[in-house]
Amino acid sequence: MRSLAGTMESAVLQNFESGGRPKWKGIEHRQGTPLVDTENLMSSITSFYDNDSALVGTNVIYAVEDQT
């Protein structure tokens, strides 16, 4: 599970670096890659694993709003 959690976390971070898959919609009042402006969300990504599961997530509250 450790390897799976690491692979999942790497995939999420690669998604940030590539600007999304499919590409994230731009934000009119900002330049650059959406969701990477302050790197707050990207740097909050963590992984967890135990014997039965592997999880990747964040504790940043606005992440749910950005997902919709």
PDB file of N, CA and C in Angstrom:
ATOM      1  N   MET A   1       0.816  -1.196   0.000  1.00  0.00           N
ATOM      2  CA  MET A   1       0.000   0.000   0.000  1.00  0.00           C
ATOM      3  C   MET A   1       0.865   1.268   0.000  1.00  0.00           C
ATOM      4  N   ARG A   2       2.037   1.176   0.603  1.00  0.00           N
ATOM      5  CA  ARG A   2       2.919   2.341   0.624  1.00  0.00           C
ATOM      6  C   ARG A   2       3.251   2.787  -0.797  1.00  0.00           C
ATOM      7  N   SER A   3       3.591   1.840  -1.644  1.00  0.00           N
ATOM      8  CA  SER A   3       3.931   2.154  -3.033  1.00  0.00           C
ATOM      9  C   SER A   3       2.741   2.759  -3.769  1.00  0.00           C
ATOM     10  N   LEU A   4       1.558   2.207  -3.549  1.00  0.00           N
ATOM     11  CA  LEU A   4       0.350   2.730  -4.185  1.00  0.00           C
ATOM     12  C   LEU A   4       0.072   4.158  -3.736  1.00  0.00           C
ATOM     13  N   ALA A   5       0.188   4.434  -2.442  1.00  0.00           N
ATOM     14  CA  ALA A   5      -0.033   5.788  -1.932  1.00  0.00           C
ATOM     15  C   ALA A   5       0.963   6.763  -2.552  1.00  0.00           C
ATOM     16  N   GLY A   6       2.216   6.350  -2.673  1.00  0.00           N
ATOM     17  CA  GLY A   6       3.228   7.205  -3.294  1.00  0.00           C
ATOM     18  C   GLY A   6       2.939   7.464  -4.757  1.00  0.00           C
ATOM     19  N   THR A   7       2.491   6.438  -5.462  1.00  0.00           N
ATOM     20  CA  THR A   7       2.144   6.589  -6.875  1.00  0.00           C
ATOM     21  C   THR A   7       0.960   7.531  -7.045  1.00  0.00           C
ATOM     22  N   MET A   8      -0.041   7.383  -6.188  1.00  0.00           N
ATOM     23  CA  MET A   8      -1.216   8.254  -6.258  1.00  0.00           C
ATOM     24  C   MET A   8      -0.840   9.710  -5.975  1.00  0.00           C
ATOM     25  N   GLU A   9      -0.025   9.933  -4.944  1.00  0.00           N
ATOM     26  CA  GLU A   9       0.393  11.294  -4.606  1.00  0.00           C
ATOM     27  C   GLU A   9       1.193  11.904  -5.754  1.00  0.00           C
ATOM     28  N   SER A  10       2.083  11.134  -6.344  1.00  0.00           N
ATOM     29  CA  SER A  10       2.862  11.626  -7.489  1.00  0.00           C
ATOM     30  C   SER A  10       1.956  12.003  -8.651  1.00  0.00           C
ATOM     31  N   ALA A  11       0.925  11.205  -8.909  1.00  0.00           N
ATOM     32  CA  ALA A  11      -0.006  11.495 -10.003  1.00  0.00           C
ATOM     33  C   ALA A  11      -0.753  12.799  -9.758  1.00  0.00           C
ATOM     34  N   VAL A  12      -1.160  13.046  -8.519  1.00  0.00           N
ATOM     35  CA  VAL A  12      -1.856  14.294  -8.191  1.00  0.00           C
ATOM     36  C   VAL A  12      -0.919  15.481  -8.399  1.00  0.00           C
ATOM     37  N   LEU A  13       0.312  15.378  -7.934  1.00  0.00           N
ATOM     38  CA  LEU A  13       1.266  16.481  -8.088  1.00  0.00           C
ATOM     39  C   LEU A  13       1.611  16.718  -9.556  1.00  0.00           C
ATOM     40  N   GLN A  14       1.717  15.659 -10.346  1.00  0.00           N
ATOM     41  CA  GLN A  14       1.950  15.821 -11.785  1.00  0.00           C
ATOM     42  C   GLN A  14       0.770  16.525 -12.439  1.00  0.00           C
ATOM     43  N   ASN A  15      -0.426  16.260 -11.943  1.00  0.00           N
ATOM     44  CA  ASN A  15      -1.611  16.926 -12.464  1.00  0.00           C
ATOM     45  C   ASN A  15      -1.525  18.434 -12.213  1.00  0.00           C
ATOM     46  N   PHE A  16      -1.069  18.830 -11.040  1.00  0.00           N
ATOM     47  CA  PHE A  16      -0.865  20.253 -10.761  1.00  0.00           C
ATOM     48  C   PHE A  16       0.156  20.844 -11.724  1.00  0.00           C
ATOM     49  N   GLU A  17       1.271  20.154 -11.894  1.00  0.00           N
ATOM     50  CA  GLU A  17       2.353  20.669 -12.737  1.00  0.00           C
ATOM     51  C   GLU A  17       1.941  20.800 -14.199  1.00  0.00           C
ATOM     52  N   SER A  18       1.050  19.930 -14.662  1.00  0.00           N
ATOM     53  CA  SER A  18       0.628  19.974 -16.068  1.00  0.00           C
ATOM     54  C   SER A  18      -0.573  20.885 -16.294  1.00  0.00           C
ATOM     55  N   GLY A  19      -1.163  21.396 -15.217  1.00  0.00           N
ATOM     56  CA  GLY A  19      -2.317  22.281 -15.368  1.00  0.00           C
ATOM     57  C   GLY A  19      -3.631  21.544 -15.499  1.00  0.00           C
ATOM     58  N   GLY A  20      -3.661  20.289 -15.093  1.00  0.00           N
ATOM     59  CA  GLY A  20      -4.895  19.507 -15.097  1.00  0.00           C
ATOM     60  C   GLY A  20      -5.010  18.581 -16.284  1.00  0.00           C
ATOM     61  N   ARG A  21      -5.809  17.539 -16.102  1.00  0.00           N
ATOM     62  CA  ARG A  21      -6.107  16.586 -17.177  1.00  0.00           C
ATOM     63  C   ARG A  21      -7.581  16.251 -17.096  1.00  0.00           C
ATOM     64  N   PRO A  22      -8.424  16.851 -17.903  1.00  0.00           N
ATOM     65  CA  PRO A  22      -8.124  17.836 -18.946  1.00  0.00           C
ATOM     66  C   PRO A  22      -7.704  19.164 -18.314  1.00  0.00           C
ATOM     67  N   LYS A  23      -7.190  20.066 -19.118  1.00  0.00           N
ATOM     68  CA  LYS A  23      -6.675  21.349 -18.619  1.00  0.00           C
ATOM     69  C   LYS A  23      -7.738  22.073 -17.805  1.00  0.00           C
ATOM     70  N   TRP A  24      -7.303  22.661 -16.677  1.00  0.00           N
ATOM     71  CA  TRP A  24      -8.220  23.419 -15.844  1.00  0.00           C
ATOM     72  C   TRP A  24      -8.594  24.713 -16.532  1.00  0.00           C
ATOM     73  N   LYS A  25      -9.804  25.124 -16.322  1.00  0.00           N
ATOM     74  CA  LYS A  25     -10.298  26.381 -16.869  1.00  0.00           C
ATOM     75  C   LYS A  25      -9.531  27.537 -16.227  1.00  0.00           C
ATOM     76  N   GLY A  26      -9.154  28.523 -17.031  1.00  0.00           N
ATOM     77  CA  GLY A  26      -8.419  29.677 -16.527  1.00  0.00           C
ATOM     78  C   GLY A  26      -9.265  30.560 -15.629  1.00  0.00           C
ATOM     79  N   ILE A  27      -8.605  31.392 -14.871  1.00  0.00           N
ATOM     80  CA  ILE A  27      -9.270  32.347 -13.996  1.00  0.00           C
ATOM     81  C   ILE A  27      -9.024  33.731 -14.573  1.00  0.00           C
ATOM     82  N   GLU A  28     -10.089  34.478 -14.802  1.00  0.00           N
ATOM     83  CA  GLU A  28      -9.980  35.764 -15.495  1.00  0.00           C
ATOM     84  C   GLU A  28      -9.078  36.764 -14.785  1.00  0.00           C
ATOM     85  N   HIS A  29      -9.090  36.799 -13.469  1.00  0.00           N
ATOM     86  CA  HIS A  29      -8.339  37.823 -12.742  1.00  0.00           C
ATOM     87  C   HIS A  29      -6.910  37.398 -12.388  1.00  0.00           C
ATOM     88  N   ARG A  30      -6.478  36.253 -12.874  1.00  0.00           N
ATOM     89  CA  ARG A  30      -5.119  35.788 -12.573  1.00  0.00           C
ATOM     90  C   ARG A  30      -4.433  35.296 -13.832  1.00  0.00           C
ATOM     91  N   GLN A  31      -3.132  35.308 -13.781  1.00  0.00           N
ATOM     92  CA  GLN A  31      -2.328  34.731 -14.855  1.00  0.00           C
ATOM     93  C   GLN A  31      -1.648  33.491 -14.303  1.00  0.00           C
ATOM     94  N   GLY A  32      -1.152  32.668 -15.178  1.00  0.00           N
ATOM     95  CA  GLY A  32      -0.449  31.466 -14.746  1.00  0.00           C
ATOM     96  C   GLY A  32      -1.370  30.267 -14.675  1.00  0.00           C
ATOM     97  N   THR A  33      -0.888  29.218 -14.047  1.00  0.00           N
ATOM     98  CA  THR A  33      -1.622  27.962 -13.963  1.00  0.00           C
ATOM     99  C   THR A  33      -2.664  28.027 -12.854  1.00  0.00           C
ATOM    100  N   PRO A  34      -3.931  27.726 -13.160  1.00  0.00           N
ATOM    101  CA  PRO A  34      -4.953  27.704 -12.112  1.00  0.00           C
ATOM    102  C   PRO A  34      -4.583  26.711 -11.011  1.00  0.00           C
ATOM    103  N   LEU A  35      -4.937  27.050  -9.788  1.00  0.00           N
ATOM    104  CA  LEU A  35      -4.711  26.229  -8.590  1.00  0.00           C
ATOM    105  C   LEU A  35      -3.251  26.107  -8.185  1.00  0.00           C
ATOM    106  N   VAL A  36      -2.356  26.836  -8.842  1.00  0.00           N
ATOM    107  CA  VAL A  36      -0.939  26.781  -8.481  1.00  0.00           C
ATOM    108  C   VAL A  36      -0.432  28.168  -8.100  1.00  0.00           C
ATOM    109  N   ASP A  37      -1.271  29.172  -8.178  1.00  0.00           N
ATOM    110  CA  ASP A  37      -0.881  30.564  -7.957  1.00  0.00           C
ATOM    111  C   ASP A  37      -0.080  30.737  -6.662  1.00  0.00           C
ATOM    112  N   THR A  38      -0.612  30.273  -5.546  1.00  0.00           N
ATOM    113  CA  THR A  38       0.083  30.419  -4.261  1.00  0.00           C
ATOM    114  C   THR A  38       0.787  29.135  -3.829  1.00  0.00           C
ATOM    115  N   GLU A  39       0.534  28.045  -4.519  1.00  0.00           N
ATOM    116  CA  GLU A  39       1.050  26.711  -4.192  1.00  0.00           C
ATOM    117  C   GLU A  39       0.538  26.192  -2.857  1.00  0.00           C
ATOM    118  N   ASN A  40      -0.424  26.901  -2.238  1.00  0.00           N
ATOM    119  CA  ASN A  40      -0.980  26.457  -0.965  1.00  0.00           C
ATOM    120  C   ASN A  40      -1.665  25.102  -1.098  1.00  0.00           C
ATOM    121  N   LEU A  41      -2.523  24.969  -2.100  1.00  0.00           N
ATOM    122  CA  LEU A  41      -3.236  23.707  -2.288  1.00  0.00           C
ATOM    123  C   LEU A  41      -2.278  22.590  -2.686  1.00  0.00           C
ATOM    124  N   MET A  42      -1.418  22.866  -3.646  1.00  0.00           N
ATOM    125  CA  MET A  42      -0.487  21.846  -4.124  1.00  0.00           C
ATOM    126  C   MET A  42       0.427  21.346  -2.998  1.00  0.00           C
ATOM    127  N   SER A  43       0.915  22.244  -2.162  1.00  0.00           N
ATOM    128  CA  SER A  43       1.841  21.831  -1.104  1.00  0.00           C
ATOM    129  C   SER A  43       1.131  21.140   0.060  1.00  0.00           C
ATOM    130  N   SER A  44      -0.205  21.176   0.068  1.00  0.00           N
ATOM    131  CA  SER A  44      -0.946  20.529   1.146  1.00  0.00           C
ATOM    132  C   SER A  44      -1.296  19.075   0.841  1.00  0.00           C
ATOM    133  N   ILE A  45      -0.991  18.600  -0.355  1.00  0.00           N
ATOM    134  CA  ILE A  45      -1.333  17.233  -0.743  1.00  0.00           C
ATOM    135  C   ILE A  45      -0.513  16.239   0.081  1.00  0.00           C
ATOM    136  N   THR A  46      -1.193  15.312   0.706  1.00  0.00           N
ATOM    137  CA  THR A  46      -0.529  14.289   1.506  1.00  0.00           C
ATOM    138  C   THR A  46      -1.113  12.918   1.171  1.00  0.00           C
ATOM    139  N   SER A  47      -0.388  11.890   1.530  1.00  0.00           N
ATOM    140  CA  SER A  47      -0.884  10.531   1.330  1.00  0.00           C
ATOM    141  C   SER A  47      -0.855   9.787   2.658  1.00  0.00           C
ATOM    142  N   PHE A  48      -1.692   8.773   2.732  1.00  0.00           N
ATOM    143  CA  PHE A  48      -1.794   7.916   3.908  1.00  0.00           C
ATOM    144  C   PHE A  48      -2.024   6.492   3.420  1.00  0.00           C
ATOM    145  N   TYR A  49      -1.491   5.549   4.136  1.00  0.00           N
ATOM    146  CA  TYR A  49      -1.746   4.148   3.800  1.00  0.00           C
ATOM    147  C   TYR A  49      -1.747   3.311   5.072  1.00  0.00           C
ATOM    148  N   ASP A  50      -2.450   2.197   4.998  1.00  0.00           N
ATOM    149  CA  ASP A  50      -2.366   1.170   6.024  1.00  0.00           C
ATOM    150  C   ASP A  50      -2.386  -0.182   5.312  1.00  0.00           C
ATOM    151  N   ASN A  51      -2.672  -1.232   6.013  1.00  0.00           N
ATOM    152  CA  ASN A  51      -2.640  -2.562   5.397  1.00  0.00           C
ATOM    153  C   ASN A  51      -3.710  -2.768   4.330  1.00  0.00           C
ATOM    154  N   ASP A  52      -4.801  -1.997   4.408  1.00  0.00           N
ATOM    155  CA  ASP A  52      -5.948  -2.236   3.534  1.00  0.00           C
ATOM    156  C   ASP A  52      -6.293  -1.105   2.582  1.00  0.00           C
ATOM    157  N   SER A  53      -5.669   0.067   2.721  1.00  0.00           N
ATOM    158  CA  SER A  53      -6.085   1.200   1.892  1.00  0.00           C
ATOM    159  C   SER A  53      -4.950   2.191   1.669  1.00  0.00           C
ATOM    160  N   ALA A  54      -5.144   2.991   0.633  1.00  0.00           N
ATOM    161  CA  ALA A  54      -4.219   4.080   0.317  1.00  0.00           C
ATOM    162  C   ALA A  54      -5.067   5.295  -0.035  1.00  0.00           C
ATOM    163  N   LEU A  55      -4.746   6.444   0.540  1.00  0.00           N
ATOM    164  CA  LEU A  55      -5.521   7.664   0.343  1.00  0.00           C
ATOM    165  C   LEU A  55      -4.605   8.823  -0.002  1.00  0.00           C
ATOM    166  N   VAL A  56      -5.110   9.752  -0.791  1.00  0.00           N
ATOM    167  CA  VAL A  56      -4.421  11.007  -1.074  1.00  0.00           C
ATOM    168  C   VAL A  56      -5.438  12.115  -0.878  1.00  0.00           C
ATOM    169  N   GLY A  57      -5.025  13.197  -0.229  1.00  0.00           N
ATOM    170  CA  GLY A  57      -5.972  14.279   0.003  1.00  0.00           C
ATOM    171  C   GLY A  57      -5.297  15.531   0.500  1.00  0.00           C
ATOM    172  N   THR A  58      -6.131  16.446   0.970  1.00  0.00           N
ATOM    173  CA  THR A  58      -5.682  17.736   1.477  1.00  0.00           C
ATOM    174  C   THR A  58      -6.586  18.158   2.619  1.00  0.00           C
ATOM    175  N   ASN A  59      -6.082  19.026   3.479  1.00  0.00           N
ATOM    176  CA  ASN A  59      -6.914  19.607   4.524  1.00  0.00           C
ATOM    177  C   ASN A  59      -7.314  21.038   4.179  1.00  0.00           C
ATOM    178  N   VAL A  60      -7.029  21.475   2.958  1.00  0.00           N
ATOM    179  CA  VAL A  60      -7.389  22.825   2.523  1.00  0.00           C
ATOM    180  C   VAL A  60      -8.890  22.853   2.240  1.00  0.00           C
ATOM    181  N   ILE A  61      -9.605  23.708   2.938  1.00  0.00           N
ATOM    182  CA  ILE A  61     -11.065  23.731   2.878  1.00  0.00           C
ATOM    183  C   ILE A  61     -11.585  24.060   1.491  1.00  0.00           C
ATOM    184  N   TYR A  62     -10.971  25.000   0.789  1.00  0.00           N
ATOM    185  CA  TYR A  62     -11.520  25.415  -0.506  1.00  0.00           C
ATOM    186  C   TYR A  62     -11.274  24.402  -1.613  1.00  0.00           C
ATOM    187  N   ALA A  63     -10.566  23.333  -1.345  1.00  0.00           N
ATOM    188  CA  ALA A  63     -10.307  22.315  -2.371  1.00  0.00           C
ATOM    189  C   ALA A  63     -11.600  21.709  -2.898  1.00  0.00           C
ATOM    190  N   VAL A  64     -12.590  21.523  -2.044  1.00  0.00           N
ATOM    191  CA  VAL A  64     -13.874  20.965  -2.472  1.00  0.00           C
ATOM    192  C   VAL A  64     -14.548  21.897  -3.460  1.00  0.00           C
ATOM    193  N   GLU A  65     -14.507  23.196  -3.210  1.00  0.00           N
ATOM    194  CA  GLU A  65     -15.122  24.168  -4.114  1.00  0.00           C
ATOM    195  C   GLU A  65     -14.437  24.171  -5.466  1.00  0.00           C
ATOM    196  N   ASP A  66     -13.135  24.016  -5.500  1.00  0.00           N
ATOM    197  CA  ASP A  66     -12.398  24.011  -6.760  1.00  0.00           C
ATOM    198  C   ASP A  66     -12.658  22.744  -7.564  1.00  0.00           C
ATOM    199  N   GLN A  67     -13.094  21.693  -6.905  1.00  0.00           N
ATOM    200  CA  GLN A  67     -13.348  20.430  -7.591  1.00  0.00           C
ATOM    201  C   GLN A  67     -14.643  20.466  -8.390  1.00  0.00           C
ATOM    202  N   THR A  68     -15.607  21.253  -7.960  1.00  0.00           N
ATOM    203  CA  THR A  68     -16.922  21.257  -8.617  1.00  0.00           C
ATOM    204  C   THR A  68     -16.950  22.094  -9.860  1.00  0.00           C
TER     205      THR A  68
END
